[in-house]
Protein backbone atom coordinates (compact mmCIF):
# COMPACT_ATOMS: atom_id res chain seq x y z
CA MET A 1 0.12 -0.09 0.25
CA HIS A 2 1.17 3.45 -0.58
CA ILE A 3 1.39 5.66 2.63
CA HIS A 4 1.33 9.45 2.90
CA LYS A 5 2.61 11.16 5.81
CA ILE A 6 0.95 14.35 6.33
CA ASN A 7 3.22 17.37 6.15
CA SER A 8 1.80 20.98 6.85
CA ASN A 9 4.72 22.52 4.98
CA SER A 10 3.30 21.15 1.83
CA GLN A 11 0.97 23.17 -0.05
CA GLU A 12 -1.10 20.04 -1.23
CA HIS A 13 -1.24 19.04 2.19
CA GLN A 14 -2.26 22.24 3.71
CA SER A 15 -5.26 22.26 1.47
CA PHE A 16 -6.15 18.96 2.92
CA LEU A 17 -5.72 19.88 6.28
CA SER A 18 -7.94 22.92 5.87
CA GLN A 19 -10.79 20.31 4.71
CA ASN A 20 -10.65 18.95 8.62
CA ARG A 21 -10.83 15.59 6.73
CA LYS A 22 -11.90 12.23 9.32
CA ASP A 23 -11.41 8.62 9.19
CA PRO A 24 -14.58 7.49 7.77
CA ILE A 25 -14.39 4.67 10.12
CA THR A 26 -12.98 5.64 13.40
CA GLY A 27 -14.31 9.28 13.18
CA ASP A 28 -10.91 10.70 14.23
CA SER A 29 -9.83 13.78 12.98
CA ILE A 30 -6.75 13.41 10.46
CA LEU A 31 -3.73 15.56 11.83
CA GLU A 32 -0.39 16.77 10.82
CA SER A 33 2.25 13.71 11.02
CA ASP A 34 -0.63 11.17 10.60
CA GLU A 35 0.26 8.37 7.95
CA VAL A 36 -2.70 7.93 5.99
CA VAL A 37 -3.68 6.10 2.68
CA PHE A 38 -6.21 7.02 0.08
CA CYS A 39 -8.55 4.20 -1.85
CA ALA A 40 -7.88 3.86 -5.34
CA GLY A 41 -11.67 3.32 -5.86
CA CYS A 42 -13.35 5.98 -4.05
CA LYS A 43 -10.45 8.04 -3.01
CA SER A 44 -11.61 8.15 0.56
CA VAL A 45 -8.94 8.69 2.92
CA PHE A 46 -7.97 6.20 5.98
CA LEU A 47 -5.35 6.29 9.13
CA CYS A 48 -2.92 3.46 8.07
CA ASP A 49 -4.49 1.37 11.38
CA THR A 50 -7.59 1.44 9.77
CA TRP A 51 -6.61 0.37 6.38
CA GLU A 52 -4.86 -2.71 8.21
CA TYR A 53 -8.16 -3.19 10.05
CA LEU A 54 -10.31 -3.43 6.78
CA GLY A 55 -7.88 -6.16 5.65
CA LYS A 56 -6.29 -3.56 3.26
CA ARG A 57 -9.51 -3.53 1.22
CA HIS A 58 -12.11 -1.16 0.51
CA CYS A 59 -14.71 -0.80 -2.74
CA GLY A 60 -14.20 -4.40 -3.36
CA GLN A 61 -10.36 -3.97 -4.47
CA SER A 62 -6.94 -3.42 -2.69
CA GLY A 63 -5.39 -0.42 -4.53
CA THR A 64 -4.14 2.71 -3.03
CA LEU A 65 -3.21 6.13 -4.65
CA ILE A 66 0.32 6.43 -5.56
CA ASP A 67 0.32 10.28 -5.60
CA PHE A 68 -1.26 12.45 -2.99
CA PRO A 69 -4.64 13.27 -4.89
CA LEU A 70 -5.25 17.18 -5.39
CA GLN A 71 -7.91 19.07 -3.57
CA GLN A 72 -10.41 18.70 -6.46
CA ALA A 73 -9.86 15.00 -6.40
CA ILE A 74 -10.46 14.40 -3.08
CA HIS A 75 -13.23 16.95 -2.38
CA ILE A 76 -15.85 14.31 -3.15
CA LYS A 77 -19.63 14.92 -2.52
CA LEU A 78 -20.26 11.91 -0.65
CA ASP A 79 -24.50 12.36 -1.56
CA ASN A 80 -23.53 11.28 -5.16
CA GLU A 81 -20.94 8.97 -4.38
CA ILE A 82 -21.27 5.18 -5.23
CA LEU A 83 -20.51 3.55 -1.94
CA PHE A 84 -20.91 0.08 -3.32
CA TYR A 85 -21.46 -1.69 -6.77
CA LYS A 86 -21.58 -5.29 -8.07
CA SER A 87 -21.99 -6.63 -11.32
CA LEU A 88 -25.30 -8.90 -11.50
CA LEU A 89 -24.24 -12.56 -11.93
CA THR A 90 -24.46 -14.27 -15.16
CA ASN A 91 -25.02 -17.82 -14.39
CA GLY A 92 -27.85 -19.70 -12.99
CA GLU A 93 -31.50 -18.86 -13.03
CA SER A 94 -31.11 -15.58 -15.02
CA LEU A 95 -29.87 -13.87 -11.94
CA PHE A 96 -28.29 -11.38 -14.18
CA ASN A 97 -31.45 -9.70 -15.02
CA ILE A 98 -32.62 -6.54 -13.50
CA PRO A 99 -35.50 -7.42 -11.44
CA SER A 100 -39.00 -6.70 -13.01
CA LYS A 101 -40.20 -4.77 -9.64
CA ALA A 102 -37.39 -2.44 -10.08
CA LYS A 103 -39.22 -1.09 -13.36
CA LYS A 104 -42.25 -0.21 -11.74
CA LYS A 105 -42.90 2.84 -9.28
CA PRO A 106 -41.83 3.99 -7.00
CA TRP A 107 -38.60 3.09 -8.81
CA LEU A 108 -37.38 6.08 -11.45
CA TYR A 109 -36.52 5.35 -14.57
CA GLU A 110 -33.69 7.11 -16.81
CA GLU A 111 -31.99 6.43 -19.95
CA ASN A 112 -29.07 7.59 -21.51
CA PHE A 113 -28.62 6.67 -25.26
CA LEU A 114 -26.12 8.43 -27.35
CA SER A 115 -26.56 6.90 -30.58
CA ALA A 116 -28.51 5.04 -33.28
CA TYR A 117 -26.26 2.28 -32.73
CA ASP A 118 -26.44 2.54 -29.05
CA LYS A 119 -30.08 1.90 -29.49
CA PHE A 120 -29.44 -0.82 -32.06
CA GLN A 121 -27.53 -2.64 -29.15
CA GLU A 122 -30.48 -2.26 -26.87
CA SER A 123 -32.75 -3.74 -28.77
CA ASN A 124 -35.05 -6.79 -28.44
CA ILE A 125 -32.62 -9.42 -29.86
CA ASN A 126 -29.79 -10.17 -28.02
CA THR A 127 -26.52 -9.12 -29.81
CA GLY A 128 -24.76 -12.42 -28.88
CA LEU A 129 -27.61 -14.45 -30.18
CA PHE A 130 -27.68 -12.43 -33.36
CA ILE A 131 -23.96 -13.37 -33.84
CA PHE A 132 -24.39 -16.84 -33.15
CA LEU A 133 -27.56 -17.07 -35.14
CA VAL A 134 -25.49 -15.49 -38.36
CA SER A 135 -22.69 -17.66 -37.68
CA LEU A 136 -24.94 -20.89 -38.03
CA VAL A 137 -26.33 -19.53 -41.27
CA SER A 138 -23.06 -19.29 -42.97
CA LEU A 139 -21.76 -22.48 -41.83
CA ALA A 140 -24.87 -23.83 -43.23
CA LEU A 141 -24.31 -21.90 -46.73
CA TYR A 142 -20.84 -23.06 -46.75
CA PHE A 143 -21.76 -26.72 -46.19
CA PHE A 144 -24.49 -26.65 -48.89
CA THR A 145 -23.09 -24.50 -51.37
CA SER A 146 -19.17 -24.98 -50.77
CA ASN A 147 -18.92 -21.51 -51.41
CA PHE A 148 -15.97 -20.31 -49.28
CA PHE A 149 -16.42 -16.80 -50.49
CA ILE A 150 -19.91 -16.44 -48.86
CA PHE A 151 -18.90 -17.84 -45.53
CA LEU A 152 -15.63 -15.48 -45.34
CA SER A 153 -17.83 -12.39 -46.21
CA ILE A 154 -20.24 -13.26 -43.36
CA LEU A 155 -17.54 -13.61 -40.80
CA VAL A 156 -15.68 -10.32 -42.17
CA ILE A 157 -19.01 -8.54 -41.63
CA LEU A 158 -19.83 -10.07 -38.28
CA LEU A 159 -15.98 -9.16 -37.21
CA LEU A 160 -16.67 -5.49 -38.55
CA LEU A 161 -19.78 -5.19 -36.38
CA LEU A 162 -17.65 -6.39 -33.29
CA ILE A 163 -14.88 -3.96 -33.97
CA VAL A 164 -17.43 -1.03 -34.55
CA GLY A 165 -19.02 -1.74 -31.16
CA ARG A 166 -15.78 -1.77 -29.48
CA ILE A 167 -14.93 1.75 -31.08
CA HIS A 168 -18.62 2.69 -30.17
CA ASP A 169 -17.83 1.80 -26.44
CA SER A 170 -14.66 3.62 -26.31
CA TYR A 171 -16.30 6.63 -27.65
CA TYR A 172 -19.50 6.11 -24.99
CA ILE A 173 -17.08 5.52 -22.01
CA LYS A 174 -15.23 9.23 -22.55
CA LYS A 175 -19.27 10.75 -22.68
CA VAL A 176 -20.95 8.74 -19.92
CA ASN A 177 -21.28 10.07 -16.34
CA LEU A 178 -18.16 9.50 -14.58
CA LYS A 179 -19.74 7.24 -11.86
CA TYR A 180 -20.85 4.46 -14.31
CA LYS A 181 -17.44 4.20 -16.06
CA LYS A 182 -16.67 0.79 -14.51
CA PHE A 183 -20.15 -0.71 -15.02
CA TYR A 184 -19.46 -3.12 -17.87
CA SER A 185 -22.91 -5.06 -17.71
CA ASN A 186 -25.82 -5.04 -15.39
CA THR A 187 -24.91 -3.91 -11.98
CA PHE A 188 -26.62 -3.13 -8.59
CA TYR A 189 -25.22 -0.30 -6.76
CA ILE A 190 -25.84 1.63 -3.46
CA SER A 191 -24.96 5.62 -2.87
CA LYS A 192 -26.05 7.33 -0.04
CA LYS A 193 -29.21 8.45 -0.91
CA THR A 194 -30.39 5.77 -3.28
CA VAL A 195 -29.78 2.47 -4.41
CA GLY A 196 -30.22 1.29 -8.30
CA PHE A 197 -29.72 -1.18 -11.18
CA VAL A 198 -28.08 0.22 -14.18
CA THR A 199 -27.11 -1.42 -17.65
CA LYS A 200 -23.82 -1.23 -19.34
CA TYR A 201 -22.40 2.41 -18.67
CA GLY A 202 -25.51 3.27 -17.11
CA LYS A 203 -27.41 3.32 -20.21
CA LYS A 204 -30.78 2.50 -18.36
CA GLN A 205 -31.09 3.49 -14.97
CA TYR A 206 -33.73 2.44 -12.30
CA THR A 207 -33.19 4.32 -8.87
CA LEU A 208 -34.86 3.92 -5.76
CA PRO A 209 -34.77 6.66 -3.36
CA VAL A 210 -33.69 5.82 0.43
CA ARG A 211 -36.86 7.49 1.84
CA TYR A 212 -38.91 4.26 0.41
CA ILE A 213 -36.49 1.52 2.04
CA GLU A 214 -37.85 -0.09 5.05
CA LYS A 215 -35.62 -3.02 5.68
CA VAL A 216 -32.95 -4.52 4.19
CA VAL A 217 -31.87 -8.44 4.75
CA PHE A 218 -28.96 -10.11 3.85
CA ARG A 219 -28.50 -13.99 3.83
CA HIS A 220 -26.13 -16.38 3.01
CA THR A 221 -27.33 -19.69 3.39
CA GLY A 222 -25.19 -21.87 1.07
CA HIS A 223 -22.37 -21.93 -1.84
CA LYS A 224 -24.85 -21.88 -4.53
CA ALA A 225 -25.70 -18.74 -6.23
CA LYS A 226 -29.42 -18.52 -5.26
CA ASN A 227 -28.43 -18.82 -1.44
CA LYS A 228 -26.02 -15.85 -1.39
CA TYR A 229 -28.26 -12.24 -1.67
CA PHE A 230 -29.95 -9.43 0.05
CA LYS A 231 -33.35 -8.00 -0.26
CA ILE A 232 -34.33 -4.62 -0.09
CA TYR A 233 -38.13 -4.29 1.35
CA TYR A 234 -39.43 -0.91 0.46
CA LYS A 235 -43.22 0.88 0.43
CA VAL A 236 -45.16 1.42 -2.23
CA GLU A 237 -47.48 4.56 -2.36
CA GLY A 238 -51.32 3.65 -2.13
CA VAL A 239 -50.30 -0.24 -1.25
CA GLU A 240 -50.56 -1.25 2.16
CA LYS A 241 -48.04 -4.31 1.67
CA THR A 242 -44.20 -4.00 1.28
CA GLU A 243 -42.65 -5.11 -1.88
CA HIS A 244 -39.07 -6.14 -2.33
CA VAL A 245 -36.49 -7.04 -4.90
CA THR A 246 -33.45 -9.19 -4.54
CA CYS A 247 -29.82 -8.87 -5.56
CA TYR A 248 -27.77 -11.84 -5.64
CA LEU A 249 -24.18 -11.83 -4.83
CA SER A 250 -21.00 -13.23 -6.07
CA ASP A 251 -18.41 -15.34 -3.82
CA ASP A 252 -15.89 -12.28 -3.80
CA THR A 253 -18.58 -10.25 -2.14
CA PHE A 254 -17.86 -12.06 1.03
CA GLU A 255 -13.74 -11.33 0.73
CA ASP A 256 -14.60 -7.73 1.69
CA PRO A 257 -17.56 -7.69 3.66
CA PHE A 258 -16.88 -4.30 4.87
CA SER A 259 -17.53 -2.55 1.71
CA LEU A 260 -21.04 -3.96 1.36
CA PHE A 261 -22.14 -3.34 4.90
CA ASP A 262 -20.42 -0.06 5.15
CA SER A 263 -22.49 1.35 2.59
CA ILE A 264 -25.82 -0.18 4.02
CA ARG A 265 -24.67 1.67 7.40
CA PHE A 266 -24.52 5.16 5.64
CA LEU A 267 -28.08 4.12 4.22
CA SER A 268 -29.38 3.43 7.54
CA GLN A 269 -27.96 6.97 8.65
CA ASN A 270 -30.51 8.45 6.29
CA LYS A 271 -33.60 6.65 7.44
CA ASP A 272 -34.41 4.28 10.40
CA ILE A 273 -33.84 1.05 8.44
CA GLN A 274 -33.71 -2.12 9.82
CA VAL A 275 -30.75 -4.10 8.76
CA LYS A 276 -31.06 -7.87 9.15
CA ILE A 277 -27.56 -10.21 8.48
CA GLU A 278 -27.77 -13.80 8.59
CA SER A 279 -24.92 -16.28 7.72
CA ILE A 280 -23.58 -19.58 7.72
CA GLU A 281 -19.79 -18.32 7.76
CA GLU A 282 -18.86 -17.82 11.22
CA ASP A 283 -15.89 -15.98 10.15
CA THR A 284 -17.90 -13.46 8.26
CA ILE A 285 -20.20 -13.28 11.29
CA ASN A 286 -17.67 -12.37 13.65
CA HIS A 287 -16.01 -10.00 11.58
CA LEU A 288 -19.25 -8.04 11.13
CA LYS A 289 -19.95 -8.34 14.74
CA LYS A 290 -16.45 -6.27 15.26
CA LEU A 291 -17.52 -3.72 12.71
CA ASN A 292 -21.12 -3.35 14.35
CA GLN A 293 -19.36 -2.62 17.86
CA LYS A 294 -17.01 -0.10 15.91
CA TRP A 295 -19.44 1.59 13.98
CA SER A 296 -21.96 1.72 16.86
CA THR A 297 -24.83 0.50 14.56
CA ASN A 298 -27.74 -1.62 15.27
CA PHE A 299 -27.55 -4.44 12.89
CA SER A 300 -29.18 -7.69 13.76
CA ILE A 301 -26.49 -10.16 13.03
CA SER A 302 -27.07 -13.85 13.29
CA TYR A 303 -25.09 -17.05 12.75
CA LEU A 304 -27.02 -19.66 11.15
CA LEU A 305 -26.14 -23.45 11.82
CA HIS A 306 -26.29 -25.50 8.64
CA ASN A 307 -28.76 -28.20 10.14
CA ASN A 308 -31.07 -25.29 11.14
CA LEU A 309 -31.55 -24.38 7.61
CA PHE A 310 -34.67 -24.50 5.41
CA LEU A 311 -33.55 -24.26 1.85
């Protein structure tokens, strides 16, 4: 990790000290001579001891900034910051799909298409399926006609489509909102005031304001994809019962449980949101209990015995 020692003789450090920054976990003020690291993912600053306590990981990664960031780079508006994000799973039971309930009120919808080609990519026919079918047709034509030129022409056309797609994405990512640059597929995210699902680069956005959220339930009951998830319960205006959406989690989520639960902690500060955590992993539970005490939250944390599960 890259450690920076705060030095009041440095102009950059003077600007940093004038912001009265605090360690986001301990709440301790960061003062002259303190040793700090900056998370490469979100640019948050941590005291070295805190970074060690977090297992040298944050935002699902372990990178730290080599250079001391300039004032404009570290002056982040937390209201708009992405606190946690995960690509939706791409295997088993169509878990990568954005839940249909997220496409209804009170979820808010927004789209950000930049070109006609962009809309073509988002058409009903799946791009991968289209390429597969065209390839299959070209093979059939070659088999029945033995005309290699036709076969080669179709393959060249497909290759050109793929190249155009790559060039388009390279152009698109320069134009897209900064917070969505790393979203290469359907993704779930948590910010301080919203949760949401977005498609690649945030082209389609389904957002739920935190004021609607009543409860978050995290459950880890096994190693299959369908057994690792959390549910967000929220109210719908004019409807008595509470609705919920489910977000399935990949295994690497549990390698850094801090990132997910710290983001939920920020959510619960906005509103009295009930947070319930259940897991069969004793190490995860023990780690979260320590974090719970350190954060002084009211998370409900339970260790599930395997023989007590109803799967």
